[in-house]
Amino acid sequence: MDIALEKFTHQDFDDYLRLVSNPEVMAMITERAIPADEARRDYEKLLAENALHPDLGHFRVLDASDGSFIGLGKLAVETAEADQAELGYILAPEYWGKGIASRIASLLVARAERQPILRRLFAIIDPANIPSRKILINTGFVSKEFRDFDGLPGEVLERGW
């Protein structure tokens, strides 16, 4: 399956909500489903981050052949001048175990490397998420530290160039 990345827009909230309101999807991210009102606030922040840079932000991951929604990929920056971005991805469960997350990570790394301002990527995962850790390590990330994120365990991985 070929995949495409398109930035989230105001019209795409339903796709976002379908992911973050699913407890199975969020088990290794927030350990809970996100209710609609909280998701709406998070989505407004996501859209604001998308406005910071034309080629970075939060992307809908789509099946390139038919445009169906697969998940989310991100290269999130905190400011327009940031030299680092956070790489992440979330897939709908029906797409798990098919190598799609690896392709998303590779596409995002390639996109990041084309940005002259960026020097480093980082990713934060649940230490128990072995498949995601494997994807990141295979994409050139190295483990930097384990720490608490709002009461949840996290492992920070980094990749530079």
Foldseek 3Di string as FASTA:
>chain_A
DDKDWDQDDPVCLVLQLVQQQDCVQCCWPPNHRDDPVRSVVVVVVQVVQCVQDVLFGKIFIADVVPRDTFWIWGFTDPHNQDQETETDITGDVVCPPVCVVLVSLLVVVVSSVPDPRHFKYKYKTQPVCVVVVVSQVVNAWDWDDWDADPNGTITMIMHGD
